[in-house]
Amino acid sequence: MTKQKTHKGAKKRFRVTATGKLKRKRVGKRHLNSHKTGKHMRRLSENVTHDDKLGKKIVAAILGK
């Protein structure tokens, strides 16, 4: 049986922390920012960590399992 390949799209968007959680950027900060408040933009700058079921599936896709 062949090896599982890493999902390249997931690899570019997510990082896996040392404890196995998923870390990602928030969406909505790339364009159309002029009408968004500074508070909103600062909130979008924060990273999000996931340790739920979906996060574990994405971690498996990144690691190629």
N, C-alpha and C. Protein backbone atom coordinates (compact mmCIF):
# COMPACT_ATOMS: atom_id res chain seq x y z
N MET A 1 0.85 -1.18 0.00
CA MET A 1 0.00 0.00 0.00
C MET A 1 0.89 1.24 0.00
N THR A 2 0.49 2.24 -0.76
CA THR A 2 1.30 3.44 -0.87
C THR A 2 1.14 4.35 0.35
N LYS A 3 2.08 5.25 0.49
CA LYS A 3 2.04 6.20 1.60
C LYS A 3 0.96 7.25 1.36
N GLN A 4 0.40 7.77 2.45
CA GLN A 4 -0.55 8.86 2.35
C GLN A 4 0.20 10.15 2.08
N LYS A 5 -0.30 10.94 1.15
CA LYS A 5 0.35 12.20 0.84
C LYS A 5 -0.20 13.32 1.72
N THR A 6 0.64 14.30 1.97
CA THR A 6 0.23 15.48 2.71
C THR A 6 -0.73 16.29 1.86
N HIS A 7 -1.78 16.81 2.48
CA HIS A 7 -2.72 17.68 1.77
C HIS A 7 -2.09 19.07 1.72
N LYS A 8 -1.63 19.46 0.53
CA LYS A 8 -0.84 20.69 0.40
C LYS A 8 -1.65 21.95 0.72
N GLY A 9 -2.94 21.94 0.42
CA GLY A 9 -3.77 23.10 0.75
C GLY A 9 -3.88 23.29 2.24
N ALA A 10 -4.03 22.19 2.97
CA ALA A 10 -4.12 22.26 4.43
C ALA A 10 -2.77 22.65 5.03
N LYS A 11 -1.69 22.16 4.43
CA LYS A 11 -0.35 22.46 4.94
C LYS A 11 -0.07 23.95 4.89
N LYS A 12 -0.58 24.63 3.85
CA LYS A 12 -0.33 26.06 3.70
C LYS A 12 -1.18 26.90 4.64
N ARG A 13 -2.34 26.38 5.06
CA ARG A 13 -3.27 27.19 5.84
C ARG A 13 -3.19 26.94 7.34
N PHE A 14 -2.70 25.80 7.76
CA PHE A 14 -2.73 25.42 9.16
C PHE A 14 -1.34 25.06 9.66
N ARG A 15 -1.15 25.18 10.98
CA ARG A 15 0.06 24.71 11.64
C ARG A 15 -0.35 23.82 12.80
N VAL A 16 0.48 22.85 13.10
CA VAL A 16 0.20 21.95 14.22
C VAL A 16 1.11 22.36 15.37
N THR A 17 0.53 22.57 16.55
CA THR A 17 1.32 22.96 17.72
C THR A 17 2.01 21.72 18.29
N ALA A 18 2.87 21.94 19.28
CA ALA A 18 3.62 20.84 19.89
C ALA A 18 2.69 19.87 20.61
N THR A 19 1.55 20.35 21.09
CA THR A 19 0.61 19.47 21.79
C THR A 19 -0.38 18.81 20.86
N GLY A 20 -0.26 19.06 19.53
CA GLY A 20 -1.12 18.41 18.56
C GLY A 20 -2.37 19.18 18.21
N LYS A 21 -2.49 20.42 18.72
CA LYS A 21 -3.65 21.24 18.37
C LYS A 21 -3.41 21.90 17.02
N LEU A 22 -4.47 22.42 16.46
CA LEU A 22 -4.42 23.05 15.15
C LEU A 22 -4.43 24.56 15.34
N LYS A 23 -3.55 25.26 14.62
CA LYS A 23 -3.48 26.71 14.70
C LYS A 23 -3.71 27.29 13.31
N ARG A 24 -4.57 28.33 13.23
CA ARG A 24 -4.88 28.93 11.94
C ARG A 24 -5.12 30.42 12.11
N LYS A 25 -5.04 31.13 11.00
CA LYS A 25 -5.37 32.56 10.97
C LYS A 25 -6.88 32.72 10.81
N ARG A 26 -7.39 33.86 11.21
CA ARG A 26 -8.80 34.16 10.99
C ARG A 26 -9.01 34.64 9.56
N VAL A 27 -10.18 34.37 9.04
CA VAL A 27 -10.50 34.80 7.67
C VAL A 27 -11.06 36.23 7.71
N GLY A 28 -11.02 36.89 6.56
CA GLY A 28 -11.67 38.18 6.43
C GLY A 28 -10.75 39.38 6.59
N LYS A 29 -9.44 39.18 6.46
CA LYS A 29 -8.52 40.30 6.65
C LYS A 29 -7.75 40.66 5.38
N ARG A 30 -8.01 39.99 4.29
CA ARG A 30 -7.22 40.19 3.08
C ARG A 30 -7.60 41.44 2.29
N HIS A 31 -8.89 41.70 2.13
CA HIS A 31 -9.31 42.84 1.32
C HIS A 31 -10.64 43.36 1.84
N LEU A 32 -11.08 44.48 1.30
CA LEU A 32 -12.31 45.16 1.76
C LEU A 32 -12.22 45.52 3.24
N ASN A 33 -11.07 46.09 3.62
CA ASN A 33 -10.84 46.38 5.04
C ASN A 33 -11.14 47.82 5.42
N SER A 34 -11.37 48.68 4.47
CA SER A 34 -11.49 50.10 4.79
C SER A 34 -12.72 50.40 5.67
N HIS A 35 -13.77 49.63 5.55
CA HIS A 35 -14.96 49.90 6.36
C HIS A 35 -14.93 49.18 7.71
N LYS A 36 -13.95 48.32 7.93
CA LYS A 36 -13.88 47.57 9.19
C LYS A 36 -13.18 48.41 10.25
N THR A 37 -13.66 48.32 11.47
CA THR A 37 -13.09 49.12 12.55
C THR A 37 -11.75 48.55 12.97
N GLY A 38 -10.97 49.37 13.67
CA GLY A 38 -9.68 48.92 14.18
C GLY A 38 -9.84 47.77 15.15
N LYS A 39 -10.88 47.82 15.96
CA LYS A 39 -11.14 46.74 16.92
C LYS A 39 -11.40 45.43 16.18
N HIS A 40 -12.17 45.53 15.11
CA HIS A 40 -12.48 44.35 14.31
C HIS A 40 -11.20 43.79 13.68
N MET A 41 -10.35 44.68 13.15
CA MET A 41 -9.12 44.24 12.50
C MET A 41 -8.16 43.60 13.49
N ARG A 42 -8.09 44.14 14.69
CA ARG A 42 -7.23 43.55 15.72
C ARG A 42 -7.71 42.16 16.11
N ARG A 43 -9.03 42.00 16.17
CA ARG A 43 -9.59 40.69 16.50
C ARG A 43 -9.27 39.68 15.40
N LEU A 44 -9.29 40.14 14.15
CA LEU A 44 -8.97 39.25 13.04
C LEU A 44 -7.49 38.87 13.00
N SER A 45 -6.63 39.66 13.66
CA SER A 45 -5.19 39.38 13.67
C SER A 45 -4.84 38.20 14.57
N GLU A 46 -5.70 37.89 15.52
CA GLU A 46 -5.39 36.81 16.46
C GLU A 46 -5.49 35.45 15.79
N ASN A 47 -4.64 34.54 16.23
CA ASN A 47 -4.70 33.16 15.76
C ASN A 47 -5.76 32.39 16.53
N VAL A 48 -6.25 31.33 15.94
CA VAL A 48 -7.26 30.48 16.56
C VAL A 48 -6.67 29.08 16.69
N THR A 49 -6.90 28.43 17.83
CA THR A 49 -6.46 27.05 17.98
C THR A 49 -7.69 26.16 18.10
N HIS A 50 -7.58 24.97 17.53
CA HIS A 50 -8.66 23.99 17.55
C HIS A 50 -8.13 22.71 18.16
N ASP A 51 -8.92 22.09 18.99
CA ASP A 51 -8.59 20.74 19.47
C ASP A 51 -9.83 19.85 19.39
N ASP A 52 -10.74 20.19 18.48
CA ASP A 52 -11.97 19.43 18.32
C ASP A 52 -11.81 18.35 17.26
N LYS A 53 -12.89 17.72 16.91
CA LYS A 53 -12.86 16.60 15.97
C LYS A 53 -12.39 17.02 14.58
N LEU A 54 -12.90 18.15 14.10
CA LEU A 54 -12.49 18.64 12.78
C LEU A 54 -11.00 18.97 12.77
N GLY A 55 -10.52 19.55 13.86
CA GLY A 55 -9.10 19.86 13.96
C GLY A 55 -8.23 18.62 13.86
N LYS A 56 -8.68 17.54 14.47
CA LYS A 56 -7.91 16.30 14.41
C LYS A 56 -7.88 15.72 13.00
N LYS A 57 -8.98 15.88 12.25
CA LYS A 57 -9.00 15.41 10.86
C LYS A 57 -8.03 16.20 10.00
N ILE A 58 -7.98 17.52 10.24
CA ILE A 58 -7.09 18.37 9.46
C ILE A 58 -5.63 18.09 9.82
N VAL A 59 -5.35 17.85 11.09
CA VAL A 59 -4.00 17.50 11.52
C VAL A 59 -3.56 16.22 10.83
N ALA A 60 -4.46 15.25 10.74
CA ALA A 60 -4.12 13.99 10.07
C ALA A 60 -3.83 14.23 8.59
N ALA A 61 -4.56 15.15 7.97
CA ALA A 61 -4.33 15.45 6.55
C ALA A 61 -2.98 16.14 6.35
N ILE A 62 -2.61 16.99 7.30
CA ILE A 62 -1.33 17.68 7.19
C ILE A 62 -0.18 16.70 7.38
N LEU A 63 -0.31 15.83 8.34
CA LEU A 63 0.77 14.89 8.64
C LEU A 63 0.80 13.71 7.68
N GLY A 64 -0.22 13.57 6.85
CA GLY A 64 -0.24 12.50 5.87
C GLY A 64 -0.58 11.16 6.45
N LYS A 65 -1.51 11.14 7.42
CA LYS A 65 -1.91 9.87 8.04
C LYS A 65 -3.26 9.43 7.55
